[in-house]
N, C-alpha and C. Protein backbone atom coordinates (compact mmCIF):
# COMPACT_ATOMS: atom_id res chain seq x y z
N UNK A 1 0.20 -0.79 -0.11
CA UNK A 1 -0.04 0.17 0.16
C UNK A 1 0.60 1.23 -0.87
N UNK A 2 0.44 1.88 -1.14
CA UNK A 2 1.79 3.29 -0.82
C UNK A 2 0.81 4.26 -0.28
N UNK A 3 1.65 4.97 0.71
CA UNK A 3 1.06 5.97 1.19
C UNK A 3 0.42 7.92 0.50
N UNK A 4 0.42 7.78 0.89
CA UNK A 4 -0.69 9.45 0.03
C UNK A 4 0.60 10.49 0.51
N UNK A 5 1.04 11.26 -0.18
CA UNK A 5 2.38 12.34 0.73
C UNK A 5 0.63 13.82 1.27
N UNK A 6 1.98 13.76 2.16
CA UNK A 6 1.28 14.45 3.13
C UNK A 6 1.06 15.73 2.89
N UNK A 7 0.26 17.37 3.17
CA UNK A 7 -0.24 18.10 2.30
C UNK A 7 1.12 18.53 2.99
N UNK A 8 0.83 20.34 2.91
CA UNK A 8 1.97 21.50 3.83
C UNK A 8 1.15 21.61 5.30
N UNK A 9 0.07 21.63 5.22
CA UNK A 9 -1.76 21.95 6.01
C UNK A 9 -1.12 20.72 6.63
N UNK A 10 -0.65 19.70 6.40
CA UNK A 10 -0.34 18.56 7.32
C UNK A 10 1.42 18.29 8.23
N UNK A 11 1.57 18.88 7.90
CA UNK A 11 3.12 19.01 8.12
C UNK A 11 2.77 19.84 9.41
N UNK A 12 2.23 21.40 8.70
CA UNK A 12 2.32 22.01 10.40
C UNK A 12 1.60 21.79 10.98
N UNK A 13 0.80 21.83 11.04
CA UNK A 13 -0.12 20.56 11.80
C UNK A 13 -0.01 19.58 12.71
N UNK A 14 1.23 19.33 12.13
CA UNK A 14 2.22 18.45 12.76
C UNK A 14 2.80 18.57 13.97
N UNK A 15 3.62 20.06 13.30
CA UNK A 15 4.43 20.26 13.46
C UNK A 15 4.51 21.90 15.58
N UNK A 16 3.37 21.59 14.89
CA UNK A 16 2.20 22.76 15.98
C UNK A 16 1.98 22.24 17.16
N UNK A 17 1.68 20.54 17.46
CA UNK A 17 1.32 20.15 17.50
C UNK A 17 2.23 19.45 18.46
N UNK A 18 3.81 19.33 17.59
CA UNK A 18 4.76 18.70 18.38
C UNK A 18 5.69 19.87 19.67
N UNK A 19 5.69 20.94 19.27
CA UNK A 19 5.54 22.03 19.95
C UNK A 19 4.08 22.01 21.06
N UNK A 20 3.18 21.58 20.46
CA UNK A 20 1.99 22.24 22.09
C UNK A 20 3.17 20.72 23.00
N UNK A 21 3.05 19.86 22.44
CA UNK A 21 3.73 18.58 23.53
C UNK A 21 4.91 19.12 23.96
N UNK A 22 6.25 19.88 23.02
CA UNK A 22 7.32 20.45 24.38
C UNK A 22 7.52 21.38 25.13
N UNK A 23 5.95 22.64 25.07
CA UNK A 23 5.61 23.01 25.84
C UNK A 23 5.02 22.84 27.54
N UNK A 24 4.39 21.91 26.62
CA UNK A 24 4.50 21.23 28.44
C UNK A 24 4.69 20.18 28.51
N UNK A 25 5.52 19.78 28.21
CA UNK A 25 6.73 19.07 28.95
C UNK A 25 7.29 19.71 29.70
N UNK A 26 7.55 20.89 30.00
CA UNK A 26 8.24 21.53 30.46
C UNK A 26 9.55 21.02 30.72
N UNK A 27 10.09 20.78 32.17
CA UNK A 27 11.16 20.36 32.69
C UNK A 27 11.23 19.33 33.23
N UNK A 28 10.08 18.34 32.61
CA UNK A 28 9.83 16.48 32.48
C UNK A 28 10.96 16.13 31.30
N UNK A 29 12.17 14.29 31.60
CA UNK A 29 12.74 14.36 30.34
C UNK A 29 11.36 13.63 29.22
N UNK A 30 12.47 13.23 27.88
CA UNK A 30 11.69 13.00 27.68
C UNK A 30 11.11 11.94 28.02
N UNK A 31 12.15 10.49 27.68
CA UNK A 31 11.85 9.34 29.13
C UNK A 31 10.78 8.87 29.56
N UNK A 32 10.98 10.62 30.41
CA UNK A 32 9.94 10.32 31.69
C UNK A 32 8.65 9.98 31.62
N UNK A 33 8.07 11.11 30.71
CA UNK A 33 6.99 11.39 29.94
C UNK A 33 6.68 10.33 28.87
N UNK A 34 7.98 9.60 28.09
CA UNK A 34 7.52 8.47 26.59
C UNK A 34 6.90 7.12 27.59
N UNK A 35 7.70 6.98 29.17
CA UNK A 35 7.56 5.98 29.78
C UNK A 35 5.73 5.66 30.01
N UNK A 36 6.11 7.24 30.85
CA UNK A 36 4.43 6.99 31.24
C UNK A 36 3.32 7.23 30.26
N UNK A 37 3.45 6.92 29.13
CA UNK A 37 2.60 7.15 28.06
C UNK A 37 2.97 5.91 27.65
N UNK A 38 3.84 5.21 27.85
CA UNK A 38 3.58 4.03 27.09
C UNK A 38 4.30 3.84 25.67
N UNK A 39 5.19 4.87 25.43
CA UNK A 39 5.85 5.05 23.93
C UNK A 39 7.35 5.04 24.05
N UNK A 40 7.73 4.90 23.59
CA UNK A 40 9.41 4.85 23.53
C UNK A 40 9.50 6.70 23.46
N UNK A 41 11.30 6.77 23.56
CA UNK A 41 11.64 8.34 23.96
C UNK A 41 11.78 8.94 22.36
N UNK A 42 11.63 7.85 21.34
CA UNK A 42 12.46 8.00 20.29
C UNK A 42 11.06 8.37 19.18
N UNK A 43 9.97 8.22 19.90
CA UNK A 43 8.81 8.05 18.95
C UNK A 43 7.99 9.36 19.37
N UNK A 44 8.29 9.57 20.87
CA UNK A 44 8.31 10.78 20.90
C UNK A 44 9.11 12.57 21.10
N UNK A 45 10.08 11.63 20.60
CA UNK A 45 11.41 12.61 19.74
C UNK A 45 10.46 13.19 18.03
N UNK A 46 10.61 12.19 17.83
CA UNK A 46 9.51 12.31 16.08
C UNK A 46 8.49 12.74 15.85
N UNK A 47 6.94 12.99 17.68
CA UNK A 47 6.78 13.25 17.46
C UNK A 47 6.97 14.84 17.63
N UNK A 48 7.27 15.28 18.33
CA UNK A 48 8.15 16.45 19.04
C UNK A 48 8.28 17.00 17.58
N UNK A 49 9.34 16.48 17.06
CA UNK A 49 10.22 17.25 15.99
C UNK A 49 9.24 17.50 15.03
N UNK A 50 8.22 17.26 14.53
CA UNK A 50 7.06 17.05 13.62
C UNK A 50 7.68 15.76 12.68
N UNK A 51 9.15 15.02 12.38
CA UNK A 51 8.79 13.93 12.04
C UNK A 51 8.38 12.60 12.03
N UNK A 52 6.93 12.64 13.19
CA UNK A 52 6.20 11.56 12.74
C UNK A 52 4.69 12.65 12.76
N UNK A 53 4.09 13.77 11.71
CA UNK A 53 3.73 14.75 11.42
C UNK A 53 1.67 14.09 12.39
N UNK A 54 1.17 12.85 12.03
CA UNK A 54 0.37 12.16 12.25
C UNK A 54 0.19 10.96 13.06
N UNK A 55 0.06 11.52 14.22
CA UNK A 55 0.55 10.17 15.05
C UNK A 55 -0.90 9.57 14.71
N UNK A 56 -1.25 8.64 15.87
CA UNK A 56 -1.82 7.40 15.85
C UNK A 56 -2.79 7.77 16.98
N UNK A 57 -4.52 8.49 17.15
CA UNK A 57 -4.78 9.23 17.77
C UNK A 57 -4.50 8.56 19.15
N UNK A 58 -4.52 7.23 19.49
CA UNK A 58 -4.15 6.44 20.45
C UNK A 58 -3.24 7.35 21.26
N UNK A 59 -2.62 7.18 20.31
CA UNK A 59 -0.70 7.52 21.13
C UNK A 59 -0.94 9.07 21.71
N UNK A 60 -1.52 9.98 20.65
CA UNK A 60 -2.06 10.88 21.38
C UNK A 60 -2.36 11.29 22.29
N UNK A 61 -3.60 10.17 23.01
CA UNK A 61 -4.64 10.40 23.57
C UNK A 61 -3.73 10.24 25.10
N UNK A 62 -2.28 9.41 24.71
CA UNK A 62 -1.73 8.16 26.37
C UNK A 62 -0.70 9.82 26.80
N UNK A 63 -0.43 10.38 25.14
CA UNK A 63 0.83 11.40 25.20
C UNK A 63 -0.08 12.89 26.03
N UNK A 64 -1.39 12.99 25.58
CA UNK A 64 -2.08 13.89 26.60
C UNK A 64 -2.23 13.67 27.62
N UNK A 65 -3.36 12.18 28.35
CA UNK A 65 -3.36 11.79 30.08
C UNK A 65 -2.35 12.10 30.60
N UNK A 66 -0.64 11.54 30.44
CA UNK A 66 0.53 12.14 31.14
C UNK A 66 1.46 12.90 31.09
N UNK A 67 0.20 14.56 30.71
CA UNK A 67 1.12 15.78 30.38
C UNK A 67 -0.02 16.17 30.91
N UNK A 68 -1.63 15.94 31.80
CA UNK A 68 -2.00 16.43 31.82
C UNK A 68 -2.70 17.99 30.78
N UNK A 69 -3.24 17.35 28.85
CA UNK A 69 -3.91 18.44 28.26
C UNK A 69 -5.58 17.19 28.10
N UNK A 70 -5.65 18.62 27.77
CA UNK A 70 -7.29 18.38 26.68
C UNK A 70 -6.73 18.24 25.18
N UNK A 71 -7.91 16.53 24.96
CA UNK A 71 -7.40 16.66 23.70
C UNK A 71 -8.34 18.12 22.76
N UNK A 72 -9.37 17.77 23.57
CA UNK A 72 -9.85 18.93 22.54
C UNK A 72 -9.41 20.47 22.60
N UNK A 73 -8.34 20.79 23.79
CA UNK A 73 -7.49 21.46 23.12
C UNK A 73 -6.76 21.24 23.00
N UNK A 74 -6.00 20.66 22.38
CA UNK A 74 -5.08 19.69 22.06
C UNK A 74 -5.81 20.03 19.41
N UNK A 75 -6.95 19.53 19.83
CA UNK A 75 -7.35 19.40 18.66
C UNK A 75 -7.13 21.23 17.83
N UNK A 76 -7.93 21.81 19.41
CA UNK A 76 -8.26 22.83 18.40
C UNK A 76 -6.59 24.07 18.34
N UNK A 77 -6.36 24.11 19.16
CA UNK A 77 -5.10 24.45 19.66
C UNK A 77 -3.76 24.21 18.04
N UNK A 78 -4.15 22.94 17.38
CA UNK A 78 -3.55 22.24 15.81
C UNK A 78 -3.66 22.73 15.17
N UNK A 79 -5.24 23.27 14.83
CA UNK A 79 -6.52 22.85 13.66
C UNK A 79 -5.21 24.13 12.93
N UNK A 80 -5.58 24.53 11.79
CA UNK A 80 -5.33 24.95 10.54
C UNK A 80 -5.77 25.98 10.45
N UNK A 81 -4.73 26.89 10.72
CA UNK A 81 -4.90 28.32 10.92
C UNK A 81 -5.04 28.71 9.40
N UNK A 82 -7.08 29.27 9.06
CA UNK A 82 -7.41 29.74 7.80
C UNK A 82 -6.78 31.70 7.84
N UNK A 83 -6.14 32.12 6.61
CA UNK A 83 -5.36 33.04 5.56
C UNK A 83 -6.64 33.95 5.10
């Protein structure tokens, strides 16, 4: 199966998500947060840097829970900004 290339908007949304997660992590280590969410530190690193701009729903849900974030708030803050 061939994956459709991401649009610039999807890449931008992934970068916003990564920045939000990185900010929410604050002083906690990447290893600590990843372990709390049941992920590898490398997976969290890829999401935070935008290299994995479309992570699975349950990955984001686990990170949001670990970081004390609302999924509704993440959605609003990551939505594509209309020009």
